[in-house]
Amino acid sequence: MVTDSISKARKDASINSKDFFRKKEACIYLGVSNNTLDKFLAMGMPYHVVRGITLYSKEEIKQFVLEQ
């Protein structure tokens, strides 16, 4: 149980220190499922593709959520 808590804290800390996320990290950051993130993207949530890798900006995610 303690090991699980430490592992989760480390994962949360690494996500919160990033400026850009991959899709799974964006879902974790927002606390939503993959399907919900897909709905947000259909609603116009911005993303960037760099050399075939889709990235989501933490600041743009925050702005999108605040505007909804």
PDB file of N, CA and C in Angstrom:
ATOM      1  N   MET A   1       0.820  -1.186   0.000  1.00  0.00           N
ATOM      2  CA  MET A   1       0.000   0.000   0.000  1.00  0.00           C
ATOM      3  C   MET A   1       0.868   1.256   0.000  1.00  0.00           C
ATOM      4  N   VAL A   2       1.892   1.271   0.827  1.00  0.00           N
ATOM      5  CA  VAL A   2       2.797   2.413   0.879  1.00  0.00           C
ATOM      6  C   VAL A   2       3.542   2.550  -0.446  1.00  0.00           C
ATOM      7  N   THR A   3       3.971   1.429  -0.991  1.00  0.00           N
ATOM      8  CA  THR A   3       4.685   1.446  -2.269  1.00  0.00           C
ATOM      9  C   THR A   3       3.796   2.004  -3.373  1.00  0.00           C
ATOM     10  N   ASP A   4       2.526   1.623  -3.377  1.00  0.00           N
ATOM     11  CA  ASP A   4       1.585   2.147  -4.374  1.00  0.00           C
ATOM     12  C   ASP A   4       1.420   3.654  -4.230  1.00  0.00           C
ATOM     13  N   SER A   5       1.326   4.132  -3.006  1.00  0.00           N
ATOM     14  CA  SER A   5       1.178   5.567  -2.753  1.00  0.00           C
ATOM     15  C   SER A   5       2.403   6.341  -3.219  1.00  0.00           C
ATOM     16  N   ILE A   6       3.573   5.799  -2.960  1.00  0.00           N
ATOM     17  CA  ILE A   6       4.815   6.450  -3.392  1.00  0.00           C
ATOM     18  C   ILE A   6       4.893   6.476  -4.917  1.00  0.00           C
ATOM     19  N   SER A   7       4.535   5.367  -5.538  1.00  0.00           N
ATOM     20  CA  SER A   7       4.561   5.295  -6.996  1.00  0.00           C
ATOM     21  C   SER A   7       3.600   6.303  -7.614  1.00  0.00           C
ATOM     22  N   LYS A   8       2.389   6.415  -7.058  1.00  0.00           N
ATOM     23  CA  LYS A   8       1.408   7.373  -7.572  1.00  0.00           C
ATOM     24  C   LYS A   8       1.897   8.806  -7.382  1.00  0.00           C
ATOM     25  N   ALA A   9       2.498   9.102  -6.249  1.00  0.00           N
ATOM     26  CA  ALA A   9       3.012  10.451  -5.986  1.00  0.00           C
ATOM     27  C   ALA A   9       4.111  10.811  -6.975  1.00  0.00           C
ATOM     28  N   ARG A  10       4.983   9.876  -7.268  1.00  0.00           N
ATOM     29  CA  ARG A  10       6.049  10.123  -8.246  1.00  0.00           C
ATOM     30  C   ARG A  10       5.474  10.385  -9.631  1.00  0.00           C
ATOM     31  N   LYS A  11       4.484   9.594 -10.014  1.00  0.00           N
ATOM     32  CA  LYS A  11       3.860   9.753 -11.326  1.00  0.00           C
ATOM     33  C   LYS A  11       3.159  11.105 -11.417  1.00  0.00           C
ATOM     34  N   ASP A  12       2.417  11.475 -10.369  1.00  0.00           N
ATOM     35  CA  ASP A  12       1.727  12.766 -10.342  1.00  0.00           C
ATOM     36  C   ASP A  12       2.723  13.917 -10.415  1.00  0.00           C
ATOM     37  N   ALA A  13       3.824  13.808  -9.708  1.00  0.00           N
ATOM     38  CA  ALA A  13       4.839  14.868  -9.708  1.00  0.00           C
ATOM     39  C   ALA A  13       5.465  15.017 -11.089  1.00  0.00           C
ATOM     40  N   SER A  14       5.704  13.904 -11.765  1.00  0.00           N
ATOM     41  CA  SER A  14       6.319  13.996 -13.094  1.00  0.00           C
ATOM     42  C   SER A  14       5.355  14.610 -14.100  1.00  0.00           C
ATOM     43  N   ILE A  15       4.081  14.304 -13.987  1.00  0.00           N
ATOM     44  CA  ILE A  15       3.094  14.887 -14.905  1.00  0.00           C
ATOM     45  C   ILE A  15       2.952  16.377 -14.653  1.00  0.00           C
ATOM     46  N   ASN A  16       2.895  16.789 -13.407  1.00  0.00           N
ATOM     47  CA  ASN A  16       2.695  18.202 -13.087  1.00  0.00           C
ATOM     48  C   ASN A  16       3.903  19.059 -13.429  1.00  0.00           C
ATOM     49  N   SER A  17       5.067  18.460 -13.615  1.00  0.00           N
ATOM     50  CA  SER A  17       6.257  19.240 -13.932  1.00  0.00           C
ATOM     51  C   SER A  17       6.462  19.416 -15.445  1.00  0.00           C
ATOM     52  N   LYS A  18       5.638  18.766 -16.258  1.00  0.00           N
ATOM     53  CA  LYS A  18       5.780  18.837 -17.710  1.00  0.00           C
ATOM     54  C   LYS A  18       4.954  19.990 -18.287  1.00  0.00           C
ATOM     55  N   ASP A  19       5.419  20.541 -19.412  1.00  0.00           N
ATOM     56  CA  ASP A  19       4.667  21.568 -20.130  1.00  0.00           C
ATOM     57  C   ASP A  19       3.827  20.964 -21.252  1.00  0.00           C
ATOM     58  N   PHE A  20       4.235  19.803 -21.754  1.00  0.00           N
ATOM     59  CA  PHE A  20       3.517  19.119 -22.828  1.00  0.00           C
ATOM     60  C   PHE A  20       3.292  17.670 -22.429  1.00  0.00           C
ATOM     61  N   PHE A  21       2.130  17.143 -22.831  1.00  0.00           N
ATOM     62  CA  PHE A  21       1.764  15.773 -22.494  1.00  0.00           C
ATOM     63  C   PHE A  21       1.491  14.976 -23.760  1.00  0.00           C
ATOM     64  N   ARG A  22       1.661  13.671 -23.641  1.00  0.00           N
ATOM     65  CA  ARG A  22       1.114  12.758 -24.635  1.00  0.00           C
ATOM     66  C   ARG A  22      -0.323  12.483 -24.203  1.00  0.00           C
ATOM     67  N   LYS A  23      -1.056  11.745 -25.019  1.00  0.00           N
ATOM     68  CA  LYS A  23      -2.495  11.593 -24.777  1.00  0.00           C
ATOM     69  C   LYS A  23      -2.811  10.979 -23.416  1.00  0.00           C
ATOM     70  N   LYS A  24      -2.142   9.914 -23.057  1.00  0.00           N
ATOM     71  CA  LYS A  24      -2.415   9.251 -21.782  1.00  0.00           C
ATOM     72  C   LYS A  24      -2.133  10.199 -20.613  1.00  0.00           C
ATOM     73  N   GLU A  25      -1.052  10.959 -20.711  1.00  0.00           N
ATOM     74  CA  GLU A  25      -0.713  11.912 -19.656  1.00  0.00           C
ATOM     75  C   GLU A  25      -1.735  13.039 -19.582  1.00  0.00           C
ATOM     76  N   ALA A  26      -2.238  13.477 -20.739  1.00  0.00           N
ATOM     77  CA  ALA A  26      -3.265  14.518 -20.758  1.00  0.00           C
ATOM     78  C   ALA A  26      -4.539  14.011 -20.077  1.00  0.00           C
ATOM     79  N   CYS A  27      -4.878  12.763 -20.317  1.00  0.00           N
ATOM     80  CA  CYS A  27      -6.044  12.166 -19.651  1.00  0.00           C
ATOM     81  C   CYS A  27      -5.856  12.140 -18.142  1.00  0.00           C
ATOM     82  N   ILE A  28      -4.675  11.745 -17.703  1.00  0.00           N
ATOM     83  CA  ILE A  28      -4.385  11.690 -16.273  1.00  0.00           C
ATOM     84  C   ILE A  28      -4.428  13.092 -15.681  1.00  0.00           C
ATOM     85  N   TYR A  29      -3.821  14.054 -16.356  1.00  0.00           N
ATOM     86  CA  TYR A  29      -3.791  15.442 -15.887  1.00  0.00           C
ATOM     87  C   TYR A  29      -5.208  15.990 -15.710  1.00  0.00           C
ATOM     88  N   LEU A  30      -6.075  15.710 -16.688  1.00  0.00           N
ATOM     89  CA  LEU A  30      -7.453  16.193 -16.626  1.00  0.00           C
ATOM     90  C   LEU A  30      -8.351  15.316 -15.758  1.00  0.00           C
ATOM     91  N   GLY A  31      -7.922  14.097 -15.511  1.00  0.00           N
ATOM     92  CA  GLY A  31      -8.749  13.171 -14.733  1.00  0.00           C
ATOM     93  C   GLY A  31      -9.938  12.664 -15.535  1.00  0.00           C
ATOM     94  N   VAL A  32      -9.723  12.457 -16.841  1.00  0.00           N
ATOM     95  CA  VAL A  32     -10.795  11.997 -17.720  1.00  0.00           C
ATOM     96  C   VAL A  32     -10.345  10.757 -18.481  1.00  0.00           C
ATOM     97  N   SER A  33     -11.330  10.094 -19.087  1.00  0.00           N
ATOM     98  CA  SER A  33     -11.023   8.912 -19.894  1.00  0.00           C
ATOM     99  C   SER A  33     -10.538   9.328 -21.278  1.00  0.00           C
ATOM    100  N   ASN A  34     -10.024   8.356 -21.999  1.00  0.00           N
ATOM    101  CA  ASN A  34      -9.576   8.569 -23.372  1.00  0.00           C
ATOM    102  C   ASN A  34     -10.739   9.062 -24.245  1.00  0.00           C
ATOM    103  N   ASN A  35     -11.924   8.474 -24.054  1.00  0.00           N
ATOM    104  CA  ASN A  35     -13.098   8.867 -24.834  1.00  0.00           C
ATOM    105  C   ASN A  35     -13.497  10.317 -24.545  1.00  0.00           C
ATOM    106  N   THR A  36     -13.417  10.727 -23.293  1.00  0.00           N
ATOM    107  CA  THR A  36     -13.753  12.107 -22.946  1.00  0.00           C
ATOM    108  C   THR A  36     -12.750  13.067 -23.563  1.00  0.00           C
ATOM    109  N   LEU A  37     -11.478  12.708 -23.553  1.00  0.00           N
ATOM    110  CA  LEU A  37     -10.476  13.564 -24.192  1.00  0.00           C
ATOM    111  C   LEU A  37     -10.763  13.675 -25.690  1.00  0.00           C
ATOM    112  N   ASP A  38     -11.178  12.585 -26.317  1.00  0.00           N
ATOM    113  CA  ASP A  38     -11.549  12.631 -27.732  1.00  0.00           C
ATOM    114  C   ASP A  38     -12.704  13.611 -27.954  1.00  0.00           C
ATOM    115  N   LYS A  39     -13.666  13.645 -27.035  1.00  0.00           N
ATOM    116  CA  LYS A  39     -14.781  14.598 -27.132  1.00  0.00           C
ATOM    117  C   LYS A  39     -14.275  16.033 -27.012  1.00  0.00           C
ATOM    118  N   PHE A  40     -13.344  16.258 -26.082  1.00  0.00           N
ATOM    119  CA  PHE A  40     -12.757  17.593 -25.923  1.00  0.00           C
ATOM    120  C   PHE A  40     -12.049  18.015 -27.212  1.00  0.00           C
ATOM    121  N   LEU A  41     -11.337  17.086 -27.834  1.00  0.00           N
ATOM    122  CA  LEU A  41     -10.648  17.387 -29.087  1.00  0.00           C
ATOM    123  C   LEU A  41     -11.648  17.737 -30.183  1.00  0.00           C
ATOM    124  N   ALA A  42     -12.772  17.018 -30.224  1.00  0.00           N
ATOM    125  CA  ALA A  42     -13.822  17.320 -31.210  1.00  0.00           C
ATOM    126  C   ALA A  42     -14.438  18.693 -30.952  1.00  0.00           C
ATOM    127  N   MET A  43     -14.393  19.130 -29.688  1.00  0.00           N
ATOM    128  CA  MET A  43     -14.923  20.444 -29.318  1.00  0.00           C
ATOM    129  C   MET A  43     -13.922  21.561 -29.605  1.00  0.00           C
ATOM    130  N   GLY A  44     -12.709  21.189 -30.015  1.00  0.00           N
ATOM    131  CA  GLY A  44     -11.726  22.195 -30.388  1.00  0.00           C
ATOM    132  C   GLY A  44     -10.537  22.343 -29.465  1.00  0.00           C
ATOM    133  N   MET A  45     -10.360  21.422 -28.531  1.00  0.00           N
ATOM    134  CA  MET A  45      -9.175  21.503 -27.669  1.00  0.00           C
ATOM    135  C   MET A  45      -7.929  21.405 -28.541  1.00  0.00           C
ATOM    136  N   PRO A  46      -7.001  22.350 -28.401  1.00  0.00           N
ATOM    137  CA  PRO A  46      -5.825  22.360 -29.279  1.00  0.00           C
ATOM    138  C   PRO A  46      -4.825  21.232 -28.975  1.00  0.00           C
ATOM    139  N   TYR A  47      -4.107  20.863 -30.009  1.00  0.00           N
ATOM    140  CA  TYR A  47      -3.020  19.892 -29.889  1.00  0.00           C
ATOM    141  C   TYR A  47      -2.006  20.197 -30.973  1.00  0.00           C
ATOM    142  N   HIS A  48      -0.835  19.608 -30.854  1.00  0.00           N
ATOM    143  CA  HIS A  48       0.255  19.844 -31.797  1.00  0.00           C
ATOM    144  C   HIS A  48       0.834  18.501 -32.218  1.00  0.00           C
ATOM    145  N   VAL A  49       1.165  18.387 -33.486  1.00  0.00           N
ATOM    146  CA  VAL A  49       1.819  17.178 -33.991  1.00  0.00           C
ATOM    147  C   VAL A  49       3.241  17.561 -34.382  1.00  0.00           C
ATOM    148  N   VAL A  50       4.205  16.921 -33.718  1.00  0.00           N
ATOM    149  CA  VAL A  50       5.617  17.164 -33.978  1.00  0.00           C
ATOM    150  C   VAL A  50       6.243  15.842 -34.408  1.00  0.00           C
ATOM    151  N   ARG A  51       6.652  15.798 -35.672  1.00  0.00           N
ATOM    152  CA  ARG A  51       7.261  14.580 -36.230  1.00  0.00           C
ATOM    153  C   ARG A  51       6.418  13.339 -35.947  1.00  0.00           C
ATOM    154  N   GLY A  52       5.123  13.477 -36.133  1.00  0.00           N
ATOM    155  CA  GLY A  52       4.216  12.351 -35.962  1.00  0.00           C
ATOM    156  C   GLY A  52       3.777  12.079 -34.536  1.00  0.00           C
ATOM    157  N   ILE A  53       4.245  12.865 -33.576  1.00  0.00           N
ATOM    158  CA  ILE A  53       3.879  12.681 -32.170  1.00  0.00           C
ATOM    159  C   ILE A  53       2.898  13.776 -31.785  1.00  0.00           C
ATOM    160  N   THR A  54       1.735  13.381 -31.294  1.00  0.00           N
ATOM    161  CA  THR A  54       0.726  14.350 -30.877  1.00  0.00           C
ATOM    162  C   THR A  54       0.994  14.769 -29.440  1.00  0.00           C
ATOM    163  N   LEU A  55       1.077  16.082 -29.237  1.00  0.00           N
ATOM    164  CA  LEU A  55       1.347  16.638 -27.921  1.00  0.00           C
ATOM    165  C   LEU A  55       0.257  17.625 -27.532  1.00  0.00           C
ATOM    166  N   TYR A  56       0.010  17.703 -26.238  1.00  0.00           N
ATOM    167  CA  TYR A  56      -1.007  18.586 -25.687  1.00  0.00           C
ATOM    168  C   TYR A  56      -0.326  19.524 -24.692  1.00  0.00           C
ATOM    169  N   SER A  57      -0.509  20.828 -24.889  1.00  0.00           N
ATOM    170  CA  SER A  57       0.104  21.832 -24.037  1.00  0.00           C
ATOM    171  C   SER A  57      -0.683  21.985 -22.736  1.00  0.00           C
ATOM    172  N   LYS A  58       0.009  21.950 -21.618  1.00  0.00           N
ATOM    173  CA  LYS A  58      -0.638  22.126 -20.320  1.00  0.00           C
ATOM    174  C   LYS A  58      -1.387  23.463 -20.271  1.00  0.00           C
ATOM    175  N   GLU A  59      -0.767  24.523 -20.739  1.00  0.00           N
ATOM    176  CA  GLU A  59      -1.383  25.853 -20.694  1.00  0.00           C
ATOM    177  C   GLU A  59      -2.614  25.915 -21.603  1.00  0.00           C
ATOM    178  N   GLU A  60      -2.527  25.312 -22.772  1.00  0.00           N
ATOM    179  CA  GLU A  60      -3.676  25.313 -23.680  1.00  0.00           C
ATOM    180  C   GLU A  60      -4.817  24.460 -23.139  1.00  0.00           C
ATOM    181  N   ILE A  61      -4.485  23.374 -22.456  1.00  0.00           N
ATOM    182  CA  ILE A  61      -5.511  22.549 -21.811  1.00  0.00           C
ATOM    183  C   ILE A  61      -6.226  23.381 -20.745  1.00  0.00           C
ATOM    184  N   LYS A  62      -5.456  24.069 -19.911  1.00  0.00           N
ATOM    185  CA  LYS A  62      -6.061  24.911 -18.866  1.00  0.00           C
ATOM    186  C   LYS A  62      -6.978  25.954 -19.479  1.00  0.00           C
ATOM    187  N   GLN A  63      -6.513  26.615 -20.521  1.00  0.00           N
ATOM    188  CA  GLN A  63      -7.303  27.658 -21.180  1.00  0.00           C
ATOM    189  C   GLN A  63      -8.585  27.091 -21.767  1.00  0.00           C
ATOM    190  N   PHE A  64      -8.482  25.945 -22.406  1.00  0.00           N
ATOM    191  CA  PHE A  64      -9.657  25.291 -22.998  1.00  0.00           C
ATOM    192  C   PHE A  64     -10.688  24.980 -21.920  1.00  0.00           C
ATOM    193  N   VAL A  65     -10.248  24.414 -20.816  1.00  0.00           N
ATOM    194  CA  VAL A  65     -11.170  24.067 -19.729  1.00  0.00           C
ATOM    195  C   VAL A  65     -11.837  25.317 -19.152  1.00  0.00           C
ATOM    196  N   LEU A  66     -11.064  26.365 -18.970  1.00  0.00           N
ATOM    197  CA  LEU A  66     -11.622  27.616 -18.424  1.00  0.00           C
ATOM    198  C   LEU A  66     -12.643  28.247 -19.363  1.00  0.00           C
ATOM    199  N   GLU A  67     -12.470  28.075 -20.648  1.00  0.00           N
ATOM    200  CA  GLU A  67     -13.388  28.664 -21.630  1.00  0.00           C
ATOM    201  C   GLU A  67     -14.683  27.865 -21.779  1.00  0.00           C
ATOM    202  N   GLN A  68     -14.691  26.630 -21.309  1.00  0.00           N
ATOM    203  CA  GLN A  68     -15.887  25.787 -21.490  1.00  0.00           C
ATOM    204  C   GLN A  68     -16.874  26.038 -20.412  1.00  0.00           C
TER     205      GLN A  68
END
